[in-house]
Protein backbone atom coordinates (compact mmCIF):
# COMPACT_ATOMS: atom_id res chain seq x y z
CA UNK A 1 0.00 0.00 0.00
CA UNK A 2 2.85 2.38 0.84
CA UNK A 3 4.50 1.73 -2.54
CA UNK A 4 1.19 2.34 -4.33
CA UNK A 5 0.90 5.66 -2.49
CA UNK A 6 4.45 6.69 -3.39
CA UNK A 7 3.88 5.70 -7.02
CA UNK A 8 0.64 7.65 -7.14
CA UNK A 9 2.28 10.76 -5.72
CA UNK A 10 5.15 10.55 -8.23
CA UNK A 11 2.77 10.11 -11.16
CA UNK A 12 0.97 13.28 -10.07
CA UNK A 13 3.98 15.39 -9.08
CA UNK A 14 6.10 14.69 -12.18
CA UNK A 15 3.66 15.96 -14.85
CA UNK A 16 2.55 18.89 -12.70
CA UNK A 17 6.16 19.92 -12.10
CA UNK A 18 7.00 19.39 -15.77
CA UNK A 19 4.13 21.59 -16.97
CA UNK A 20 4.68 24.33 -14.38
CA UNK A 21 8.35 24.68 -15.35
CA UNK A 22 7.42 24.43 -19.04
CA UNK A 23 4.97 27.33 -18.60
CA UNK A 24 7.60 29.43 -16.82
CA UNK A 25 10.14 28.72 -19.57
CA UNK A 26 7.55 29.85 -22.11
CA UNK A 27 7.13 33.14 -20.26
CA UNK A 28 10.81 33.82 -19.59
CA UNK A 29 12.54 32.20 -22.54
CA UNK A 30 9.90 31.77 -25.29
CA UNK A 31 10.39 28.00 -25.07
CA UNK A 32 9.99 25.91 -27.19
CA UNK A 33 9.50 28.32 -30.13
CA UNK A 34 12.87 29.89 -29.42
CA UNK A 35 14.63 26.66 -30.41
CA UNK A 36 13.86 27.48 -34.05
CA UNK A 37 15.34 30.99 -33.80
CA UNK A 38 18.90 31.97 -34.87
CA UNK A 39 21.76 31.08 -32.51
CA UNK A 40 22.47 34.74 -31.74
CA UNK A 41 18.91 35.28 -30.58
CA UNK A 42 18.87 32.14 -28.41
CA UNK A 43 22.16 32.78 -26.64
CA UNK A 44 21.46 36.49 -26.12
CA UNK A 45 18.03 35.70 -24.68
CA UNK A 46 19.54 33.00 -22.47
CA UNK A 47 22.19 35.35 -21.08
CA UNK A 48 19.52 37.96 -20.35
CA UNK A 49 17.55 35.38 -18.38
CA UNK A 50 20.26 35.21 -15.74
CA UNK A 51 20.43 32.75 -12.86
CA UNK A 52 16.65 32.35 -12.65
CA UNK A 53 16.60 30.84 -16.14
CA UNK A 54 19.42 28.43 -15.27
CA UNK A 55 17.50 27.31 -12.16
CA UNK A 56 14.37 26.74 -14.25
CA UNK A 57 16.28 24.55 -16.70
CA UNK A 58 17.73 22.57 -13.80
CA UNK A 59 14.23 22.08 -12.39
CA UNK A 60 13.04 20.97 -15.83
CA UNK A 61 15.83 18.42 -15.99
CA UNK A 62 15.05 17.26 -12.43
CA UNK A 63 11.52 16.25 -13.44
CA UNK A 64 13.22 13.62 -15.60
CA UNK A 65 15.07 12.32 -12.56
CA UNK A 66 11.78 11.99 -10.65
CA UNK A 67 10.32 10.10 -13.60
CA UNK A 68 12.81 7.24 -13.14
CA UNK A 69 11.38 5.78 -9.89
CA UNK A 70 7.83 6.26 -11.21
CA UNK A 71 8.67 4.43 -14.43
CA UNK A 72 10.22 1.57 -12.46
CA UNK A 73 7.47 1.22 -9.85
CA UNK A 74 4.41 1.22 -12.10
CA UNK A 75 5.06 -2.08 -13.94
CA UNK A 76 5.90 -3.85 -10.67
CA UNK A 77 2.55 -2.82 -9.22
CA UNK A 78 0.46 -3.53 -12.33
CA UNK A 79 1.90 -6.93 -13.23
CA UNK A 80 3.73 -8.48 -10.24
CA UNK A 81 3.47 -11.95 -11.77
CA UNK A 82 4.92 -11.02 -15.18
CA UNK A 83 8.71 -10.73 -14.87
CA UNK A 84 9.31 -10.26 -18.61
CA UNK A 85 6.80 -7.41 -18.79
CA UNK A 86 8.31 -5.82 -15.69
CA UNK A 87 11.86 -6.07 -17.05
CA UNK A 88 11.05 -4.71 -20.51
CA UNK A 89 8.76 -1.92 -19.29
CA UNK A 90 11.18 -0.87 -16.55
CA UNK A 91 14.09 -0.61 -19.00
CA UNK A 92 12.03 1.33 -21.54
CA UNK A 93 10.71 3.67 -18.83
CA UNK A 94 14.17 4.29 -17.39
CA UNK A 95 15.51 5.03 -20.88
CA UNK A 96 12.64 7.47 -21.49
CA UNK A 97 13.64 9.39 -18.37
CA UNK A 98 17.38 9.11 -19.03
CA UNK A 99 17.30 10.54 -22.57
CA UNK A 100 15.16 13.41 -21.29
CA UNK A 101 17.77 14.14 -18.63
CA UNK A 102 20.64 13.92 -21.12
CA UNK A 103 18.81 16.20 -23.53
CA UNK A 104 18.01 18.87 -20.95
CA UNK A 105 21.16 18.83 -18.83
CA UNK A 106 23.04 20.91 -21.41
CA UNK A 107 20.93 23.96 -20.55
CA UNK A 108 21.97 24.49 -16.90
CA UNK A 109 25.58 23.29 -17.32
CA UNK A 110 26.86 23.95 -20.87
CA UNK A 111 24.72 26.67 -22.45
CA UNK A 112 25.49 29.27 -19.71
CA UNK A 113 29.20 29.09 -20.63
CA UNK A 114 28.41 29.35 -24.35
CA UNK A 115 26.04 32.28 -23.79
CA UNK A 116 28.63 34.19 -21.75
CA UNK A 117 31.30 33.61 -24.37
CA UNK A 118 29.02 34.63 -27.21
CA UNK A 119 27.67 37.81 -25.57
CA UNK A 120 31.05 38.94 -24.18
CA UNK A 121 31.60 42.47 -25.63
CA UNK A 122 35.30 41.68 -26.14
CA UNK A 123 34.60 38.47 -28.10
CA UNK A 124 35.78 38.45 -31.69
CA UNK A 125 33.59 37.39 -34.59
CA UNK A 126 35.69 34.24 -34.91
CA UNK A 127 34.91 33.38 -31.28
CA UNK A 128 31.19 33.94 -31.81
CA UNK A 129 31.25 31.80 -34.94
CA UNK A 130 33.01 29.00 -33.06
CA UNK A 131 30.54 29.21 -30.17
CA UNK A 132 27.69 29.14 -32.66
CA UNK A 133 28.98 25.94 -34.27
CA UNK A 134 29.40 24.25 -30.86
CA UNK A 135 25.93 25.33 -29.76
CA UNK A 136 24.23 24.09 -32.92
CA UNK A 137 26.10 20.77 -32.84
CA UNK A 138 25.12 20.27 -29.19
CA UNK A 139 21.57 21.38 -29.91
CA UNK A 140 21.13 18.96 -32.80
CA UNK A 141 22.73 16.02 -30.99
CA UNK A 142 21.66 16.39 -27.36
CA UNK A 143 18.43 18.26 -28.02
CA UNK A 144 16.91 17.01 -31.26
CA UNK A 145 18.41 13.51 -31.51
CA UNK A 146 18.55 12.42 -27.85
CA UNK A 147 16.11 14.59 -25.94
CA UNK A 148 13.38 14.82 -28.55
CA UNK A 149 13.64 11.91 -31.00
CA UNK A 150 14.70 9.20 -28.55
CA UNK A 151 12.64 10.82 -25.82
CA UNK A 152 9.49 10.60 -27.93
CA UNK A 153 10.25 7.01 -28.93
CA UNK A 154 10.86 5.66 -25.41
CA UNK A 155 8.13 7.73 -23.75
CA UNK A 156 5.63 6.52 -26.32
CA UNK A 157 6.77 2.89 -25.98
CA UNK A 158 6.57 2.98 -22.16
CA UNK A 159 3.12 4.56 -22.29
CA UNK A 160 1.88 1.94 -24.75
CA UNK A 161 3.13 -0.88 -22.50
CA UNK A 162 1.57 0.61 -19.35
CA UNK A 163 -1.69 1.54 -21.08
CA UNK A 164 -2.06 -1.92 -22.60
CA UNK A 165 -1.67 -3.37 -19.12
CA UNK A 166 -4.21 -0.92 -17.66
CA UNK A 167 -6.83 -2.23 -20.10
CA UNK A 168 -6.78 -5.54 -18.23
CA UNK A 169 -5.99 -4.45 -14.66
CA UNK A 170 -8.76 -4.53 -12.02
CA UNK A 171 -9.24 -1.23 -10.24
CA UNK A 172 -8.42 0.86 -13.31
CA UNK A 173 -11.08 1.92 -15.85
CA UNK A 174 -10.65 0.74 -19.43
CA UNK A 175 -10.92 4.29 -20.74
CA UNK A 176 -7.76 5.23 -18.86
CA UNK A 177 -5.80 2.71 -20.91
CA UNK A 178 -7.22 4.12 -24.14
CA UNK A 179 -6.35 7.69 -23.14
CA UNK A 180 -2.76 6.57 -22.60
CA UNK A 181 -2.64 4.81 -25.97
CA UNK A 182 -3.96 7.86 -27.82
CA UNK A 183 -1.42 10.14 -26.13
CA UNK A 184 1.38 7.67 -26.91
CA UNK A 185 0.53 7.65 -30.63
CA UNK A 186 0.47 11.45 -30.66
CA UNK A 187 3.85 11.66 -28.93
CA UNK A 188 5.28 9.19 -31.44
CA UNK A 189 4.10 11.39 -34.32
CA UNK A 190 6.49 14.03 -32.96
CA UNK A 191 9.41 11.99 -34.32
CA UNK A 192 8.20 12.81 -37.84
CA UNK A 193 8.90 16.54 -37.52
CA UNK A 194 12.46 16.09 -38.77
CA UNK A 195 11.06 14.12 -41.72
CA UNK A 196 9.13 17.21 -42.80
CA UNK A 197 5.68 16.62 -41.32
CA UNK A 198 4.69 20.17 -40.36
CA UNK A 199 1.80 19.15 -38.10
CA UNK A 200 3.99 16.81 -36.05
CA UNK A 201 5.09 19.48 -33.57
CA UNK A 202 1.54 20.63 -32.81
CA UNK A 203 0.25 17.06 -32.50
CA UNK A 204 3.13 16.21 -30.18
CA UNK A 205 2.52 19.24 -27.96
CA UNK A 206 -1.19 18.46 -27.59
CA UNK A 207 -0.40 14.80 -26.95
CA UNK A 208 1.97 15.71 -24.11
CA UNK A 209 -0.85 17.66 -22.48
CA UNK A 210 -3.07 14.59 -22.80
CA UNK A 211 -0.21 12.39 -21.55
CA UNK A 212 0.24 14.62 -18.50
CA UNK A 213 -3.47 14.30 -17.73
CA UNK A 214 -3.22 10.53 -18.17
CA UNK A 215 -0.28 10.39 -15.75
CA UNK A 216 -2.14 12.42 -13.12
CA UNK A 217 -5.30 10.33 -13.46
CA UNK A 218 -3.29 7.11 -13.21
CA UNK A 219 -1.62 8.48 -10.10
CA UNK A 220 -5.01 9.27 -8.56
CA UNK A 221 -6.18 5.69 -9.13
CA UNK A 222 -2.99 4.40 -7.49
CA UNK A 223 -3.73 6.63 -4.49
CA UNK A 224 -7.24 5.23 -4.31
CA UNK A 225 -5.86 1.69 -4.29
CA UNK A 226 -3.46 2.57 -1.46
CA UNK A 227 -6.25 3.84 0.82
């Protein structure tokens, strides 16, 4: 019962924390639209954000850390007699959290240095060009490839596994499983943005809102079970 309660709390806290920080980053840093702006604009805006912006990015990254225990606990509680399901789902869930952490951790630890170097009044144009190349390489690798592409893949896969299990688990309504499956498909569509599908970004954003609601509702049902 105690583990069910802890799992329920994590499933509620993680999406709420994620969305609160996301909203604050939108207000302070124009995230995520700013990621499609020129390097000069991004780094100048980041430097202007100061320490508060760095703290927000750290908090954003920390929601990924909190997702790890939640991703590991849920399959153990839903299918205690299915070791293969538990192993596969736990690995996929941990990877979903890990790639999110690896994608976001550049913002509080690497980007501040790049922003200072780029906006330094004494910096030469050659220095700014070099910083710009490093930033874009890091952005494409850590942000687009790891944080977004792999993040969407593993988050969608974990959600599909959990939602499929919810469809057959006593104490959880069938509709909750279907909500999770719909959100997972929408998140997966986000991987097609780099392939040129213009609607992928909007579908992905809406699906993450639905996914957050699904997480919170699942957490509430876990809390009900623990009472």
